[in-house]
Each structure stands twice: as structure tokens, then as C-alpha cells.
Amino acid sequence: MNLLIIRLIIFAVLFFAGLKLYRMYREWKLDREELLEHDDDARQEGGQMVRCSWCKVHVPESDALREQGEWFCSSAHLDRYLQEKKEQKPDDRE
């Protein structure tokens, strides 16, 4: 009789340990899928990456500025690029 109770207790402990491990695995899997979906959404929202013509940093196309076929990460870099381009044009004519 004692052996039967010990077996029953061991079986119950193993059953609840297995159930706990299964629940932990299922939670980990759902969290992982949610994280992957979030990463995919972030990539789709950001769109294609473009390179700033001034500093050569890559930024999402949705955040970039475009002027004369060139991409820029900020208006400051756009202004610097245009100013430098204006300064170089008179030198080319001479």
C-alpha cells in the first residue's frame, strides 16, 4: 500500500512539473511570435532604407528628405549639401 501511494505521489509531481513546463513553453512561444510580428510591422512601417548624401547614414525612406534626386537625413544636411553645391558651381565655370 505504501508503494502505491509513493508511486501516485511521484506520478502527480511529474504530471504537474510537465504541465508547468508546457505552460512556460507555450508562453515563451507566444511572446516570441509577438516579438517577431512587432519586428515585421516595424520593418514594413519604416519602408526601404536610403542613404543620406551628406553624412552617408542610412535612414528609413519615410523619415528622409528628398531634393534633386538625393536623399537626406535632416534639413540641416540638405541645406549644407545645397550650399556646398552652390559654392562649387561658380568654380566649375571658371
PDB file of N, CA and C in Angstrom:
ATOM      1  N   MET A   1       0.812  -1.198   0.000  1.00  0.00           N
ATOM      2  CA  MET A   1       0.000   0.000   0.000  1.00  0.00           C
ATOM      3  C   MET A   1       0.854   1.260   0.000  1.00  0.00           C
ATOM      4  N   ASN A   2       1.933   1.253   0.804  1.00  0.00           N
ATOM      5  CA  ASN A   2       2.822   2.409   0.845  1.00  0.00           C
ATOM      6  C   ASN A   2       3.477   2.649  -0.513  1.00  0.00           C
ATOM      7  N   LEU A   3       3.822   1.573  -1.212  1.00  0.00           N
ATOM      8  CA  LEU A   3       4.439   1.681  -2.529  1.00  0.00           C
ATOM      9  C   LEU A   3       3.469   2.305  -3.532  1.00  0.00           C
ATOM     10  N   LEU A   4       2.212   1.979  -3.418  1.00  0.00           N
ATOM     11  CA  LEU A   4       1.206   2.540  -4.297  1.00  0.00           C
ATOM     12  C   LEU A   4       1.049   4.050  -4.066  1.00  0.00           C
ATOM     13  N   ILE A   5       1.059   4.474  -2.839  1.00  0.00           N
ATOM     14  CA  ILE A   5       0.939   5.903  -2.510  1.00  0.00           C
ATOM     15  C   ILE A   5       2.177   6.656  -3.000  1.00  0.00           C
ATOM     16  N   ILE A   6       3.344   6.068  -2.831  1.00  0.00           N
ATOM     17  CA  ILE A   6       4.585   6.713  -3.289  1.00  0.00           C
ATOM     18  C   ILE A   6       4.560   6.855  -4.809  1.00  0.00           C
ATOM     19  N   ARG A   7       4.133   5.834  -5.515  1.00  0.00           N
ATOM     20  CA  ARG A   7       4.032   5.910  -6.978  1.00  0.00           C
ATOM     21  C   ARG A   7       3.026   6.973  -7.409  1.00  0.00           C
ATOM     22  N   LEU A   8       1.918   7.046  -6.705  1.00  0.00           N
ATOM     23  CA  LEU A   8       0.895   8.039  -7.006  1.00  0.00           C
ATOM     24  C   LEU A   8       1.431   9.457  -6.786  1.00  0.00           C
ATOM     25  N   ILE A   9       2.168   9.665  -5.723  1.00  0.00           N
ATOM     26  CA  ILE A   9       2.754  10.982  -5.439  1.00  0.00           C
ATOM     27  C   ILE A   9       3.784  11.336  -6.508  1.00  0.00           C
ATOM     28  N   ILE A  10       4.643  10.387  -6.883  1.00  0.00           N
ATOM     29  CA  ILE A  10       5.653  10.638  -7.919  1.00  0.00           C
ATOM     30  C   ILE A  10       4.979  10.956  -9.241  1.00  0.00           C
ATOM     31  N   PHE A  11       3.948  10.205  -9.591  1.00  0.00           N
ATOM     32  CA  PHE A  11       3.213  10.459 -10.824  1.00  0.00           C
ATOM     33  C   PHE A  11       2.582  11.862 -10.798  1.00  0.00           C
ATOM     34  N   ALA A  12       1.990  12.235  -9.678  1.00  0.00           N
ATOM     35  CA  ALA A  12       1.359  13.558  -9.564  1.00  0.00           C
ATOM     36  C   ALA A  12       2.403  14.676  -9.692  1.00  0.00           C
ATOM     37  N   VAL A  13       3.550  14.499  -9.056  1.00  0.00           N
ATOM     38  CA  VAL A  13       4.619  15.507  -9.140  1.00  0.00           C
ATOM     39  C   VAL A  13       5.114  15.632 -10.574  1.00  0.00           C
ATOM     40  N   LEU A  14       5.344  14.505 -11.241  1.00  0.00           N
ATOM     41  CA  LEU A  14       5.806  14.543 -12.630  1.00  0.00           C
ATOM     42  C   LEU A  14       4.759  15.161 -13.549  1.00  0.00           C
ATOM     43  N   PHE A  15       3.492  14.854 -13.302  1.00  0.00           N
ATOM     44  CA  PHE A  15       2.417  15.415 -14.113  1.00  0.00           C
ATOM     45  C   PHE A  15       2.376  16.944 -13.974  1.00  0.00           C
ATOM     46  N   PHE A  16       2.407  17.439 -12.742  1.00  0.00           N
ATOM     47  CA  PHE A  16       2.339  18.892 -12.533  1.00  0.00           C
ATOM     48  C   PHE A  16       3.611  19.599 -13.008  1.00  0.00           C
ATOM     49  N   ALA A  17       4.771  18.947 -12.915  1.00  0.00           N
ATOM     50  CA  ALA A  17       6.011  19.524 -13.442  1.00  0.00           C
ATOM     51  C   ALA A  17       5.939  19.618 -14.967  1.00  0.00           C
ATOM     52  N   GLY A  18       5.427  18.569 -15.596  1.00  0.00           N
ATOM     53  CA  GLY A  18       5.264  18.589 -17.053  1.00  0.00           C
ATOM     54  C   GLY A  18       4.275  19.645 -17.487  1.00  0.00           C
ATOM     55  N   LEU A  19       3.184  19.776 -16.755  1.00  0.00           N
ATOM     56  CA  LEU A  19       2.184  20.796 -17.062  1.00  0.00           C
ATOM     57  C   LEU A  19       2.781  22.197 -16.931  1.00  0.00           C
ATOM     58  N   LYS A  20       3.567  22.406 -15.883  1.00  0.00           N
ATOM     59  CA  LYS A  20       4.214  23.711 -15.672  1.00  0.00           C
ATOM     60  C   LYS A  20       5.195  24.014 -16.806  1.00  0.00           C
ATOM     61  N   LEU A  21       5.990  23.023 -17.212  1.00  0.00           N
ATOM     62  CA  LEU A  21       6.937  23.219 -18.319  1.00  0.00           C
ATOM     63  C   LEU A  21       6.204  23.515 -19.627  1.00  0.00           C
ATOM     64  N   TYR A  22       5.099  22.822 -19.874  1.00  0.00           N
ATOM     65  CA  TYR A  22       4.322  23.068 -21.084  1.00  0.00           C
ATOM     66  C   TYR A  22       3.778  24.495 -21.100  1.00  0.00           C
ATOM     67  N   ARG A  23       3.256  24.961 -19.970  1.00  0.00           N
ATOM     68  CA  ARG A  23       2.736  26.324 -19.894  1.00  0.00           C
ATOM     69  C   ARG A  23       3.843  27.355 -20.106  1.00  0.00           C
ATOM     70  N   MET A  24       5.011  27.105 -19.537  1.00  0.00           N
ATOM     71  CA  MET A  24       6.140  28.024 -19.732  1.00  0.00           C
ATOM     72  C   MET A  24       6.555  28.056 -21.200  1.00  0.00           C
ATOM     73  N   TYR A  25       6.600  26.893 -21.844  1.00  0.00           N
ATOM     74  CA  TYR A  25       6.961  26.823 -23.257  1.00  0.00           C
ATOM     75  C   TYR A  25       5.940  27.563 -24.113  1.00  0.00           C
ATOM     76  N   ARG A  26       4.662  27.338 -23.841  1.00  0.00           N
ATOM     77  CA  ARG A  26       3.606  27.993 -24.611  1.00  0.00           C
ATOM     78  C   ARG A  26       3.679  29.514 -24.454  1.00  0.00           C
ATOM     79  N   GLU A  27       3.925  30.005 -23.243  1.00  0.00           N
ATOM     80  CA  GLU A  27       4.056  31.444 -23.009  1.00  0.00           C
ATOM     81  C   GLU A  27       5.280  32.003 -23.741  1.00  0.00           C
ATOM     82  N   TRP A  28       6.400  31.272 -23.692  1.00  0.00           N
ATOM     83  CA  TRP A  28       7.620  31.709 -24.382  1.00  0.00           C
ATOM     84  C   TRP A  28       7.376  31.780 -25.888  1.00  0.00           C
ATOM     85  N   LYS A  29       6.678  30.767 -26.426  1.00  0.00           N
ATOM     86  CA  LYS A  29       6.408  30.724 -27.855  1.00  0.00           C
ATOM     87  C   LYS A  29       5.506  31.884 -28.282  1.00  0.00           C
ATOM     88  N   LEU A  30       4.469  32.186 -27.512  1.00  0.00           N
ATOM     89  CA  LEU A  30       3.582  33.300 -27.830  1.00  0.00           C
ATOM     90  C   LEU A  30       4.320  34.633 -27.755  1.00  0.00           C
ATOM     91  N   ASP A  31       5.182  34.794 -26.748  1.00  0.00           N
ATOM     92  CA  ASP A  31       5.966  36.029 -26.643  1.00  0.00           C
ATOM     93  C   ASP A  31       6.901  36.183 -27.830  1.00  0.00           C
ATOM     94  N   ARG A  32       7.509  35.086 -28.236  1.00  0.00           N
ATOM     95  CA  ARG A  32       8.432  35.118 -29.377  1.00  0.00           C
ATOM     96  C   ARG A  32       7.694  35.484 -30.660  1.00  0.00           C
ATOM     97  N   GLU A  33       6.517  34.873 -30.885  1.00  0.00           N
ATOM     98  CA  GLU A  33       5.738  35.188 -32.078  1.00  0.00           C
ATOM     99  C   GLU A  33       5.298  36.649 -32.076  1.00  0.00           C
ATOM    100  N   GLU A  34       4.915  37.151 -30.918  1.00  0.00           N
ATOM    101  CA  GLU A  34       4.506  38.546 -30.802  1.00  0.00           C
ATOM    102  C   GLU A  34       5.675  39.479 -31.105  1.00  0.00           C
ATOM    103  N   LEU A  35       6.852  39.114 -30.616  1.00  0.00           N
ATOM    104  CA  LEU A  35       8.043  39.926 -30.879  1.00  0.00           C
ATOM    105  C   LEU A  35       8.388  39.916 -32.364  1.00  0.00           C
ATOM    106  N   LEU A  36       8.297  38.758 -33.008  1.00  0.00           N
ATOM    107  CA  LEU A  36       8.588  38.674 -34.438  1.00  0.00           C
ATOM    108  C   LEU A  36       7.576  39.469 -35.252  1.00  0.00           C
ATOM    109  N   GLU A  37       6.302  39.418 -34.867  1.00  0.00           N
ATOM    110  CA  GLU A  37       5.287  40.208 -35.564  1.00  0.00           C
ATOM    111  C   GLU A  37       5.561  41.693 -35.412  1.00  0.00           C
ATOM    112  N   HIS A  38       5.993  42.094 -34.227  1.00  0.00           N
ATOM    113  CA  HIS A  38       6.303  43.506 -33.982  1.00  0.00           C
ATOM    114  C   HIS A  38       7.483  43.948 -34.839  1.00  0.00           C
ATOM    115  N   ASP A  39       8.513  43.088 -34.960  1.00  0.00           N
ATOM    116  CA  ASP A  39       9.662  43.408 -35.803  1.00  0.00           C
ATOM    117  C   ASP A  39       9.254  43.537 -37.263  1.00  0.00           C
ATOM    118  N   ASP A  40       8.405  42.627 -37.740  1.00  0.00           N
ATOM    119  CA  ASP A  40       7.938  42.686 -39.124  1.00  0.00           C
ATOM    120  C   ASP A  40       7.131  43.958 -39.366  1.00  0.00           C
ATOM    121  N   ASP A  41       6.276  44.323 -38.416  1.00  0.00           N
ATOM    122  CA  ASP A  41       5.485  45.548 -38.545  1.00  0.00           C
ATOM    123  C   ASP A  41       6.394  46.773 -38.583  1.00  0.00           C
ATOM    124  N   ALA A  42       7.428  46.765 -37.753  1.00  0.00           N
ATOM    125  CA  ALA A  42       8.350  47.903 -37.722  1.00  0.00           C
ATOM    126  C   ALA A  42       9.090  48.029 -39.046  1.00  0.00           C
ATOM    127  N   ARG A  43       9.476  46.900 -39.621  1.00  0.00           N
ATOM    128  CA  ARG A  43      10.167  46.944 -40.910  1.00  0.00           C
ATOM    129  C   ARG A  43       9.247  47.449 -42.007  1.00  0.00           C
ATOM    130  N   GLN A  44       8.006  46.997 -41.991  1.00  0.00           N
ATOM    131  CA  GLN A  44       7.067  47.425 -43.018  1.00  0.00           C
ATOM    132  C   GLN A  44       6.705  48.888 -42.853  1.00  0.00           C
ATOM    133  N   GLU A  45       6.580  49.373 -41.623  1.00  0.00           N
ATOM    134  CA  GLU A  45       6.250  50.774 -41.386  1.00  0.00           C
ATOM    135  C   GLU A  45       7.386  51.690 -41.826  1.00  0.00           C
ATOM    136  N   GLY A  46       8.626  51.273 -41.568  1.00  0.00           N
ATOM    137  CA  GLY A  46       9.770  52.106 -41.891  1.00  0.00           C
ATOM    138  C   GLY A  46      10.055  52.169 -43.376  1.00  0.00           C
ATOM    139  N   GLY A  47       9.738  51.141 -44.083  1.00  0.00           N
ATOM    140  CA  GLY A  47       9.979  51.101 -45.512  1.00  0.00           C
ATOM    141  C   GLY A  47      11.433  50.846 -45.837  1.00  0.00           C
ATOM    142  N   GLN A  48      11.800  51.206 -47.026  1.00  0.00           N
ATOM    143  CA  GLN A  48      13.151  50.987 -47.518  1.00  0.00           C
ATOM    144  C   GLN A  48      14.107  51.986 -46.886  1.00  0.00           C
ATOM    145  N   MET A  49      15.345  51.560 -46.687  1.00  0.00           N
ATOM    146  CA  MET A  49      16.373  52.444 -46.141  1.00  0.00           C
ATOM    147  C   MET A  49      17.058  53.181 -47.293  1.00  0.00           C
ATOM    148  N   VAL A  50      17.325  54.472 -47.072  1.00  0.00           N
ATOM    149  CA  VAL A  50      18.037  55.288 -48.060  1.00  0.00           C
ATOM    150  C   VAL A  50      19.236  55.922 -47.382  1.00  0.00           C
ATOM    151  N   ARG A  51      20.203  56.339 -48.181  1.00  0.00           N
ATOM    152  CA  ARG A  51      21.461  56.866 -47.654  1.00  0.00           C
ATOM    153  C   ARG A  51      21.499  58.371 -47.791  1.00  0.00           C
ATOM    154  N   CYS A  52      21.834  59.034 -46.707  1.00  0.00           N
ATOM    155  CA  CYS A  52      21.967  60.489 -46.713  1.00  0.00           C
ATOM    156  C   CYS A  52      23.160  60.877 -47.587  1.00  0.00           C
ATOM    157  N   SER A  53      22.961  61.818 -48.496  1.00  0.00           N
ATOM    158  CA  SER A  53      24.030  62.228 -49.405  1.00  0.00           C
ATOM    159  C   SER A  53      25.110  63.043 -48.704  1.00  0.00           C
ATOM    160  N   TRP A  54      24.795  63.565 -47.538  1.00  0.00           N
ATOM    161  CA  TRP A  54      25.776  64.380 -46.819  1.00  0.00           C
ATOM    162  C   TRP A  54      26.625  63.541 -45.860  1.00  0.00           C
ATOM    163  N   CYS A  55      25.977  62.827 -44.949  1.00  0.00           N
ATOM    164  CA  CYS A  55      26.722  62.105 -43.910  1.00  0.00           C
ATOM    165  C   CYS A  55      26.819  60.602 -44.153  1.00  0.00           C
ATOM    166  N   LYS A  56      26.162  60.101 -45.196  1.00  0.00           N
ATOM    167  CA  LYS A  56      26.201  58.691 -45.599  1.00  0.00           C
ATOM    168  C   LYS A  56      25.540  57.746 -44.587  1.00  0.00           C
ATOM    169  N   VAL A  57      24.686  58.259 -43.704  1.00  0.00           N
ATOM    170  CA  VAL A  57      23.953  57.436 -42.742  1.00  0.00           C
ATOM    171  C   VAL A  57      22.675  56.938 -43.397  1.00  0.00           C
ATOM    172  N   HIS A  58      22.301  55.700 -43.117  1.00  0.00           N
ATOM    173  CA  HIS A  58      21.070  55.134 -43.666  1.00  0.00           C
ATOM    174  C   HIS A  58      19.896  55.445 -42.742  1.00  0.00           C
ATOM    175  N   VAL A  59      18.803  55.928 -43.322  1.00  0.00           N
ATOM    176  CA  VAL A  59      17.583  56.253 -42.587  1.00  0.00           C
ATOM    177  C   VAL A  59      16.387  55.683 -43.349  1.00  0.00           C
ATOM    178  N   PRO A  60      15.275  55.438 -42.650  1.00  0.00           N
ATOM    179  CA  PRO A  60      14.085  54.965 -43.367  1.00  0.00           C
ATOM    180  C   PRO A  60      13.607  55.999 -44.377  1.00  0.00           C
ATOM    181  N   GLU A  61      13.135  55.533 -45.496  1.00  0.00           N
ATOM    182  CA  GLU A  61      12.680  56.426 -46.566  1.00  0.00           C
ATOM    183  C   GLU A  61      11.569  57.352 -46.080  1.00  0.00           C
ATOM    184  N   SER A  62      10.740  56.852 -45.162  1.00  0.00           N
ATOM    185  CA  SER A  62       9.638  57.671 -44.664  1.00  0.00           C
ATOM    186  C   SER A  62      10.123  58.846 -43.818  1.00  0.00           C
ATOM    187  N   ASP A  63      11.321  58.747 -43.224  1.00  0.00           N
ATOM    188  CA  ASP A  63      11.876  59.824 -42.408  1.00  0.00           C
ATOM    189  C   ASP A  63      12.819  60.731 -43.192  1.00  0.00           C
ATOM    190  N   ALA A  64      13.225  60.310 -44.372  1.00  0.00           N
ATOM    191  CA  ALA A  64      14.227  61.048 -45.146  1.00  0.00           C
ATOM    192  C   ALA A  64      13.587  62.173 -45.957  1.00  0.00           C
ATOM    193  N   LEU A  65      14.436  63.131 -46.332  1.00  0.00           N
ATOM    194  CA  LEU A  65      14.024  64.241 -47.195  1.00  0.00           C
ATOM    195  C   LEU A  65      14.659  64.028 -48.562  1.00  0.00           C
ATOM    196  N   ARG A  66      13.924  64.379 -49.616  1.00  0.00           N
ATOM    197  CA  ARG A  66      14.448  64.196 -50.961  1.00  0.00           C
ATOM    198  C   ARG A  66      14.473  65.536 -51.676  1.00  0.00           C
ATOM    199  N   GLU A  67      15.602  65.817 -52.300  1.00  0.00           N
ATOM    200  CA  GLU A  67      15.773  67.063 -53.051  1.00  0.00           C
ATOM    201  C   GLU A  67      16.686  66.776 -54.230  1.00  0.00           C
ATOM    202  N   GLN A  68      16.246  67.106 -55.425  1.00  0.00           N
ATOM    203  CA  GLN A  68      17.019  66.957 -56.653  1.00  0.00           C
ATOM    204  C   GLN A  68      17.550  65.527 -56.823  1.00  0.00           C
ATOM    205  N   GLY A  69      16.735  64.550 -56.473  1.00  0.00           N
ATOM    206  CA  GLY A  69      17.122  63.155 -56.646  1.00  0.00           C
ATOM    207  C   GLY A  69      18.065  62.628 -55.589  1.00  0.00           C
ATOM    208  N   GLU A  70      18.353  63.408 -54.575  1.00  0.00           N
ATOM    209  CA  GLU A  70      19.249  62.996 -53.492  1.00  0.00           C
ATOM    210  C   GLU A  70      18.449  62.848 -52.202  1.00  0.00           C
ATOM    211  N   TRP A  71      18.888  61.961 -51.307  1.00  0.00           N
ATOM    212  CA  TRP A  71      18.227  61.733 -50.021  1.00  0.00           C
ATOM    213  C   TRP A  71      19.041  62.355 -48.900  1.00  0.00           C
ATOM    214  N   PHE A  72      18.336  62.855 -47.873  1.00  0.00           N
ATOM    215  CA  PHE A  72      18.989  63.493 -46.730  1.00  0.00           C
ATOM    216  C   PHE A  72      18.292  63.076 -45.447  1.00  0.00           C
ATOM    217  N   CYS A  73      19.068  62.971 -44.355  1.00  0.00           N
ATOM    218  CA  CYS A  73      18.503  62.530 -43.080  1.00  0.00           C
ATOM    219  C   CYS A  73      17.883  63.684 -42.305  1.00  0.00           C
ATOM    220  N   SER A  74      18.283  64.931 -42.627  1.00  0.00           N
ATOM    221  CA  SER A  74      17.717  66.079 -41.912  1.00  0.00           C
ATOM    222  C   SER A  74      17.758  67.303 -42.817  1.00  0.00           C
ATOM    223  N   SER A  75      17.014  68.319 -42.414  1.00  0.00           N
ATOM    224  CA  SER A  75      17.001  69.544 -43.207  1.00  0.00           C
ATOM    225  C   SER A  75      18.344  70.276 -43.115  1.00  0.00           C
ATOM    226  N   ALA A  76      19.044  70.113 -41.991  1.00  0.00           N
ATOM    227  CA  ALA A  76      20.363  70.738 -41.857  1.00  0.00           C
ATOM    228  C   ALA A  76      21.337  70.174 -42.889  1.00  0.00           C
ATOM    229  N   HIS A  77      21.314  68.866 -43.071  1.00  0.00           N
ATOM    230  CA  HIS A  77      22.207  68.257 -44.064  1.00  0.00           C
ATOM    231  C   HIS A  77      21.782  68.609 -45.480  1.00  0.00           C
ATOM    232  N   LEU A  78      20.499  68.756 -45.699  1.00  0.00           N
ATOM    233  CA  LEU A  78      20.009  69.201 -47.006  1.00  0.00           C
ATOM    234  C   LEU A  78      20.521  70.602 -47.303  1.00  0.00           C
ATOM    235  N   ASP A  79      20.412  71.498 -46.331  1.00  0.00           N
ATOM    236  CA  ASP A  79      20.885  72.870 -46.511  1.00  0.00           C
ATOM    237  C   ASP A  79      22.391  72.923 -46.756  1.00  0.00           C
ATOM    238  N   ARG A  80      23.164  72.151 -45.986  1.00  0.00           N
ATOM    239  CA  ARG A  80      24.618  72.122 -46.173  1.00  0.00           C
ATOM    240  C   ARG A  80      24.988  71.615 -47.559  1.00  0.00           C
ATOM    241  N   TYR A  81      24.301  70.565 -47.996  1.00  0.00           N
ATOM    242  CA  TYR A  81      24.590  69.984 -49.310  1.00  0.00           C
ATOM    243  C   TYR A  81      24.296  70.990 -50.422  1.00  0.00           C
ATOM    244  N   LEU A  82      23.141  71.664 -50.333  1.00  0.00           N
ATOM    245  CA  LEU A  82      22.772  72.642 -51.357  1.00  0.00           C
ATOM    246  C   LEU A  82      23.726  73.838 -51.336  1.00  0.00           C
ATOM    247  N   GLN A  83      24.134  74.259 -50.140  1.00  0.00           N
ATOM    248  CA  GLN A  83      25.071  75.386 -50.030  1.00  0.00           C
ATOM    249  C   GLN A  83      26.428  75.015 -50.630  1.00  0.00           C
ATOM    250  N   GLU A  84      26.892  73.797 -50.342  1.00  0.00           N
ATOM    251  CA  GLU A  84      28.163  73.351 -50.898  1.00  0.00           C
ATOM    252  C   GLU A  84      28.077  73.233 -52.418  1.00  0.00           C
ATOM    253  N   LYS A  85      26.946  72.781 -52.897  1.00  0.00           N
ATOM    254  CA  LYS A  85      26.758  72.635 -54.334  1.00  0.00           C
ATOM    255  C   LYS A  85      26.768  73.997 -55.026  1.00  0.00           C
ATOM    256  N   LYS A  86      26.142  75.019 -54.382  1.00  0.00           N
ATOM    257  CA  LYS A  86      26.145  76.370 -54.945  1.00  0.00           C
ATOM    258  C   LYS A  86      27.556  76.947 -54.988  1.00  0.00           C
ATOM    259  N   GLU A  87      28.327  76.668 -53.928  1.00  0.00           N
ATOM    260  CA  GLU A  87      29.696  77.184 -53.874  1.00  0.00           C
ATOM    261  C   GLU A  87      30.588  76.534 -54.919  1.00  0.00           C
ATOM    262  N   GLN A  88      30.332  75.290 -55.276  1.00  0.00           N
ATOM    263  CA  GLN A  88      31.157  74.584 -56.256  1.00  0.00           C
ATOM    264  C   GLN A  88      30.822  74.965 -57.679  1.00  0.00           C
ATOM    265  N   LYS A  89      29.604  75.374 -57.966  1.00  0.00           N
ATOM    266  CA  LYS A  89      29.205  75.692 -59.349  1.00  0.00           C
ATOM    267  C   LYS A  89      29.984  76.868 -59.934  1.00  0.00           C
ATOM    268  N   PRO A  90      30.170  77.988 -59.214  1.00  0.00           N
ATOM    269  CA  PRO A  90      30.950  79.072 -59.818  1.00  0.00           C
ATOM    270  C   PRO A  90      32.385  78.650 -60.119  1.00  0.00           C
ATOM    271  N   ASP A  91      32.955  77.739 -59.292  1.00  0.00           N
ATOM    272  CA  ASP A  91      34.314  77.278 -59.530  1.00  0.00           C
ATOM    273  C   ASP A  91      34.394  76.453 -60.821  1.00  0.00           C
ATOM    274  N   ASP A  92      33.338  75.715 -61.110  1.00  0.00           N
ATOM    275  CA  ASP A  92      33.324  74.875 -62.314  1.00  0.00           C
ATOM    276  C   ASP A  92      33.296  75.724 -63.568  1.00  0.00           C
ATOM    277  N   ARG A  93      32.689  76.894 -63.526  1.00  0.00           N
ATOM    278  CA  ARG A  93      32.552  77.765 -64.724  1.00  0.00           C
ATOM    279  C   ARG A  93      33.864  78.449 -65.075  1.00  0.00           C
ATOM    280  N   GLU A  94      34.699  78.654 -64.099  1.00  0.00           N
ATOM    281  CA  GLU A  94      35.960  79.392 -64.382  1.00  0.00           C
ATOM    282  C   GLU A  94      37.004  78.573 -65.079  1.00  0.00           C
TER     283      GLU A  94
END
